[in-house]
Amino acid sequence: MSEWVKIGAIEVADGAVIAAIAGGLDLALCRVDGVLHAIADRCSHAEARLSEGRLRRGCLVCPRHGTGFDVRDGTHQGPPAIVGVASYEVVEDESGVRVNITPR
């Protein structure tokens, strides 16, 4: 079952990351190659805020220990994390940004 939550009109430049809240969930929203993605905003290893990290080759890199998380599906790209983070479907239209807060 899907639960879509409107975040509103936000601007995320290509290559940028911002923190957002949708339905009580902390999210990291990032735009890569023109596509907006949403993943959980907490590293699965150290609980660091991923929205404070940087994007590198389609991965959001944890600012604490450097694990990369693929912004398309939340999979981790190596240690020290041993599991990925939740990823969420995003829709952008004239009314703004909506996120399906049911994890993929």
N, C-alpha and C. Protein backbone atom coordinates (compact mmCIF):
# COMPACT_ATOMS: atom_id res chain seq x y z
N MET A 1 0.84 -1.18 0.00
CA MET A 1 0.00 0.00 0.00
C MET A 1 0.89 1.24 0.00
N SER A 2 0.59 2.17 -0.85
CA SER A 2 1.37 3.40 -0.99
C SER A 2 0.78 4.51 -0.14
N GLU A 3 1.67 5.35 0.40
CA GLU A 3 1.23 6.54 1.12
C GLU A 3 2.05 7.72 0.62
N TRP A 4 1.42 8.54 -0.22
CA TRP A 4 2.09 9.69 -0.83
C TRP A 4 1.92 10.91 0.07
N VAL A 5 3.03 11.61 0.30
CA VAL A 5 3.03 12.81 1.13
C VAL A 5 3.62 13.95 0.32
N LYS A 6 2.92 15.09 0.33
CA LYS A 6 3.41 16.26 -0.39
C LYS A 6 4.43 17.00 0.47
N ILE A 7 5.60 17.25 -0.11
CA ILE A 7 6.62 18.05 0.57
C ILE A 7 6.44 19.50 0.20
N GLY A 8 6.02 19.77 -1.02
CA GLY A 8 5.80 21.15 -1.46
C GLY A 8 6.76 21.54 -2.55
N ALA A 9 6.78 22.82 -2.83
CA ALA A 9 7.65 23.35 -3.88
C ALA A 9 9.04 23.55 -3.29
N ILE A 10 9.97 22.71 -3.69
CA ILE A 10 11.35 22.82 -3.23
C ILE A 10 12.28 22.82 -4.44
N GLU A 11 13.42 23.40 -4.26
CA GLU A 11 14.42 23.44 -5.32
C GLU A 11 15.62 22.62 -4.88
N VAL A 12 16.00 21.66 -5.69
CA VAL A 12 17.21 20.88 -5.45
C VAL A 12 18.01 20.91 -6.75
N ALA A 13 19.11 21.58 -6.74
CA ALA A 13 19.95 21.69 -7.94
C ALA A 13 20.60 20.35 -8.25
N ASP A 14 20.95 20.15 -9.52
CA ASP A 14 21.64 18.92 -9.90
C ASP A 14 22.97 18.82 -9.13
N GLY A 15 23.19 17.67 -8.50
CA GLY A 15 24.40 17.47 -7.71
C GLY A 15 24.27 17.93 -6.27
N ALA A 16 23.08 18.41 -5.88
CA ALA A 16 22.88 18.91 -4.52
C ALA A 16 22.09 17.93 -3.67
N VAL A 17 22.20 18.12 -2.35
CA VAL A 17 21.50 17.30 -1.35
C VAL A 17 20.85 18.25 -0.36
N ILE A 18 19.59 17.96 0.01
CA ILE A 18 18.95 18.72 1.08
C ILE A 18 18.24 17.75 2.02
N ALA A 19 18.03 18.19 3.25
CA ALA A 19 17.25 17.41 4.22
C ALA A 19 15.78 17.81 4.08
N ALA A 20 14.88 16.84 4.26
CA ALA A 20 13.45 17.11 4.21
C ALA A 20 12.75 16.14 5.16
N ILE A 21 11.53 16.49 5.53
CA ILE A 21 10.71 15.61 6.36
C ILE A 21 9.42 15.35 5.61
N ALA A 22 9.03 14.08 5.54
CA ALA A 22 7.77 13.69 4.89
C ALA A 22 7.11 12.61 5.74
N GLY A 23 5.91 12.90 6.21
CA GLY A 23 5.20 11.91 7.00
C GLY A 23 5.96 11.49 8.25
N GLY A 24 6.73 12.40 8.82
CA GLY A 24 7.52 12.09 10.01
C GLY A 24 8.84 11.42 9.74
N LEU A 25 9.16 11.16 8.48
CA LEU A 25 10.43 10.53 8.12
C LEU A 25 11.46 11.58 7.73
N ASP A 26 12.67 11.41 8.25
CA ASP A 26 13.79 12.26 7.84
C ASP A 26 14.35 11.72 6.53
N LEU A 27 14.39 12.56 5.51
CA LEU A 27 14.85 12.14 4.19
C LEU A 27 16.01 12.99 3.72
N ALA A 28 16.84 12.40 2.89
CA ALA A 28 17.85 13.12 2.13
C ALA A 28 17.36 13.13 0.69
N LEU A 29 17.10 14.32 0.16
CA LEU A 29 16.68 14.47 -1.23
C LEU A 29 17.89 14.91 -2.03
N CYS A 30 18.16 14.22 -3.13
CA CYS A 30 19.31 14.56 -3.96
C CYS A 30 18.94 14.44 -5.42
N ARG A 31 19.55 15.31 -6.21
CA ARG A 31 19.30 15.29 -7.64
C ARG A 31 20.58 14.85 -8.35
N VAL A 32 20.44 13.79 -9.15
CA VAL A 32 21.56 13.25 -9.92
C VAL A 32 21.12 13.12 -11.37
N ASP A 33 21.86 13.74 -12.26
CA ASP A 33 21.54 13.72 -13.70
C ASP A 33 20.10 14.15 -13.96
N GLY A 34 19.64 15.16 -13.21
CA GLY A 34 18.31 15.71 -13.42
C GLY A 34 17.18 14.98 -12.73
N VAL A 35 17.45 13.85 -12.09
CA VAL A 35 16.41 13.05 -11.44
C VAL A 35 16.49 13.23 -9.92
N LEU A 36 15.33 13.52 -9.30
CA LEU A 36 15.28 13.69 -7.86
C LEU A 36 15.07 12.33 -7.18
N HIS A 37 15.88 12.07 -6.16
CA HIS A 37 15.83 10.81 -5.41
C HIS A 37 15.63 11.10 -3.94
N ALA A 38 15.06 10.13 -3.20
CA ALA A 38 14.89 10.26 -1.75
C ALA A 38 15.34 8.98 -1.08
N ILE A 39 16.22 9.12 -0.09
CA ILE A 39 16.63 7.99 0.75
C ILE A 39 16.55 8.42 2.20
N ALA A 40 16.57 7.45 3.10
CA ALA A 40 16.55 7.76 4.53
C ALA A 40 17.76 8.63 4.86
N ASP A 41 17.56 9.56 5.79
CA ASP A 41 18.61 10.52 6.13
C ASP A 41 19.46 10.07 7.32
N ARG A 42 19.59 8.78 7.53
CA ARG A 42 20.44 8.26 8.60
C ARG A 42 21.27 7.11 8.07
N CYS A 43 22.57 7.20 8.27
CA CYS A 43 23.46 6.12 7.87
C CYS A 43 23.11 4.86 8.65
N SER A 44 23.12 3.73 7.99
CA SER A 44 22.79 2.46 8.66
C SER A 44 23.90 1.98 9.58
N HIS A 45 25.06 2.58 9.48
CA HIS A 45 26.19 2.18 10.33
C HIS A 45 26.34 3.06 11.56
N ALA A 46 26.34 4.38 11.37
CA ALA A 46 26.70 5.28 12.47
C ALA A 46 25.63 6.32 12.80
N GLU A 47 24.45 6.22 12.16
CA GLU A 47 23.35 7.15 12.42
C GLU A 47 23.66 8.60 12.04
N ALA A 48 24.70 8.83 11.26
CA ALA A 48 25.00 10.18 10.80
C ALA A 48 23.94 10.64 9.81
N ARG A 49 23.74 11.94 9.71
CA ARG A 49 22.79 12.50 8.74
C ARG A 49 23.42 12.47 7.35
N LEU A 50 22.85 11.66 6.48
CA LEU A 50 23.40 11.55 5.12
C LEU A 50 23.25 12.86 4.35
N SER A 51 22.25 13.66 4.69
CA SER A 51 22.05 14.94 4.00
C SER A 51 23.22 15.90 4.25
N GLU A 52 24.08 15.59 5.21
CA GLU A 52 25.27 16.40 5.46
C GLU A 52 26.49 15.86 4.70
N GLY A 53 26.26 14.77 3.95
CA GLY A 53 27.34 14.18 3.15
C GLY A 53 27.42 14.82 1.79
N ARG A 54 28.16 14.17 0.90
CA ARG A 54 28.34 14.70 -0.45
C ARG A 54 27.99 13.62 -1.47
N LEU A 55 27.61 14.08 -2.65
CA LEU A 55 27.33 13.15 -3.74
C LEU A 55 28.60 12.83 -4.50
N ARG A 56 28.77 11.54 -4.83
CA ARG A 56 29.92 11.12 -5.62
C ARG A 56 29.48 9.95 -6.49
N ARG A 57 29.48 10.17 -7.82
CA ARG A 57 29.13 9.14 -8.79
C ARG A 57 27.81 8.41 -8.46
N GLY A 58 26.79 9.20 -8.16
CA GLY A 58 25.46 8.63 -7.90
C GLY A 58 25.26 8.05 -6.51
N CYS A 59 26.25 8.24 -5.64
CA CYS A 59 26.13 7.76 -4.26
C CYS A 59 26.21 8.94 -3.30
N LEU A 60 25.42 8.86 -2.25
CA LEU A 60 25.49 9.83 -1.17
C LEU A 60 26.45 9.27 -0.13
N VAL A 61 27.53 9.99 0.14
CA VAL A 61 28.60 9.51 1.01
C VAL A 61 28.39 10.02 2.43
N CYS A 62 28.39 9.09 3.37
CA CYS A 62 28.21 9.42 4.79
C CYS A 62 29.35 10.32 5.25
N PRO A 63 29.01 11.42 5.94
CA PRO A 63 30.05 12.34 6.39
C PRO A 63 30.89 11.79 7.55
N ARG A 64 30.43 10.76 8.22
CA ARG A 64 31.15 10.26 9.38
C ARG A 64 32.23 9.25 9.02
N HIS A 65 31.87 8.19 8.27
CA HIS A 65 32.85 7.14 7.98
C HIS A 65 33.04 6.85 6.50
N GLY A 66 32.32 7.54 5.62
CA GLY A 66 32.58 7.45 4.20
C GLY A 66 31.88 6.37 3.41
N THR A 67 30.94 5.64 4.02
CA THR A 67 30.18 4.67 3.23
C THR A 67 29.32 5.40 2.22
N GLY A 68 29.27 4.90 0.99
CA GLY A 68 28.40 5.46 -0.03
C GLY A 68 27.11 4.68 -0.12
N PHE A 69 26.00 5.38 -0.33
CA PHE A 69 24.69 4.77 -0.50
C PHE A 69 24.14 5.21 -1.85
N ASP A 70 23.80 4.25 -2.70
CA ASP A 70 23.26 4.54 -4.03
C ASP A 70 21.94 5.28 -3.87
N VAL A 71 21.83 6.46 -4.45
CA VAL A 71 20.62 7.27 -4.26
C VAL A 71 19.41 6.69 -4.98
N ARG A 72 19.64 5.77 -5.93
CA ARG A 72 18.52 5.17 -6.66
C ARG A 72 17.78 4.12 -5.84
N ASP A 73 18.50 3.39 -5.00
CA ASP A 73 17.85 2.29 -4.27
C ASP A 73 18.32 2.12 -2.82
N GLY A 74 19.23 2.96 -2.36
CA GLY A 74 19.68 2.91 -0.97
C GLY A 74 20.72 1.85 -0.63
N THR A 75 21.16 1.07 -1.63
CA THR A 75 22.13 0.02 -1.33
C THR A 75 23.46 0.63 -0.89
N HIS A 76 24.11 -0.05 0.05
CA HIS A 76 25.41 0.45 0.52
C HIS A 76 26.49 -0.02 -0.44
N GLN A 77 27.55 0.75 -0.53
CA GLN A 77 28.62 0.47 -1.49
C GLN A 77 29.90 0.01 -0.81
N GLY A 78 29.81 -0.50 0.40
CA GLY A 78 30.98 -1.02 1.09
C GLY A 78 30.99 -0.67 2.55
N PRO A 79 32.00 -1.18 3.26
CA PRO A 79 32.09 -0.95 4.70
C PRO A 79 32.42 0.52 5.00
N PRO A 80 32.14 0.94 6.22
CA PRO A 80 31.80 0.10 7.36
C PRO A 80 30.33 -0.31 7.44
N ALA A 81 29.44 0.31 6.67
CA ALA A 81 28.04 -0.12 6.68
C ALA A 81 27.93 -1.52 6.09
N ILE A 82 27.02 -2.31 6.64
CA ILE A 82 26.82 -3.67 6.12
C ILE A 82 25.42 -3.86 5.53
N VAL A 83 24.57 -2.83 5.68
CA VAL A 83 23.24 -2.84 5.06
C VAL A 83 22.97 -1.47 4.46
N GLY A 84 22.03 -1.42 3.55
CA GLY A 84 21.65 -0.17 2.91
C GLY A 84 20.67 0.62 3.76
N VAL A 85 20.10 1.66 3.15
CA VAL A 85 19.08 2.48 3.79
C VAL A 85 17.83 2.45 2.90
N ALA A 86 16.70 2.82 3.47
CA ALA A 86 15.45 2.82 2.72
C ALA A 86 15.50 3.87 1.60
N SER A 87 14.88 3.54 0.49
CA SER A 87 14.73 4.51 -0.60
C SER A 87 13.23 4.68 -0.87
N TYR A 88 12.89 5.83 -1.40
CA TYR A 88 11.49 6.20 -1.58
C TYR A 88 11.25 6.76 -2.96
N GLU A 89 10.09 6.43 -3.52
CA GLU A 89 9.71 6.94 -4.83
C GLU A 89 9.35 8.43 -4.73
N VAL A 90 9.78 9.20 -5.72
CA VAL A 90 9.56 10.65 -5.74
C VAL A 90 8.86 11.03 -7.04
N VAL A 91 7.90 11.95 -6.94
CA VAL A 91 7.22 12.50 -8.11
C VAL A 91 7.29 14.02 -8.02
N GLU A 92 7.69 14.64 -9.13
CA GLU A 92 7.69 16.10 -9.23
C GLU A 92 6.69 16.51 -10.29
N ASP A 93 5.87 17.49 -9.97
CA ASP A 93 4.97 18.05 -10.97
C ASP A 93 4.73 19.52 -10.64
N GLU A 94 3.76 20.14 -11.31
CA GLU A 94 3.53 21.57 -11.13
C GLU A 94 3.12 21.93 -9.70
N SER A 95 2.62 20.97 -8.93
CA SER A 95 2.21 21.27 -7.55
C SER A 95 3.35 21.09 -6.55
N GLY A 96 4.47 20.57 -7.00
CA GLY A 96 5.62 20.39 -6.11
C GLY A 96 6.13 18.96 -6.10
N VAL A 97 6.69 18.58 -4.96
CA VAL A 97 7.31 17.26 -4.80
C VAL A 97 6.46 16.42 -3.87
N ARG A 98 6.23 15.17 -4.28
CA ARG A 98 5.53 14.19 -3.43
C ARG A 98 6.44 12.98 -3.28
N VAL A 99 6.39 12.39 -2.07
CA VAL A 99 7.20 11.21 -1.78
C VAL A 99 6.28 10.10 -1.29
N ASN A 100 6.49 8.90 -1.83
CA ASN A 100 5.78 7.72 -1.34
C ASN A 100 6.57 7.23 -0.13
N ILE A 101 6.03 7.45 1.08
CA ILE A 101 6.78 7.13 2.29
C ILE A 101 6.75 5.64 2.64
N THR A 102 6.17 4.84 1.78
CA THR A 102 6.28 3.38 1.91
C THR A 102 7.59 3.01 1.22
N PRO A 103 8.57 2.46 1.97
CA PRO A 103 9.86 2.15 1.33
C PRO A 103 9.71 1.19 0.16
N ARG A 104 10.62 1.32 -0.80
CA ARG A 104 10.61 0.42 -1.96
C ARG A 104 11.07 -0.95 -1.53
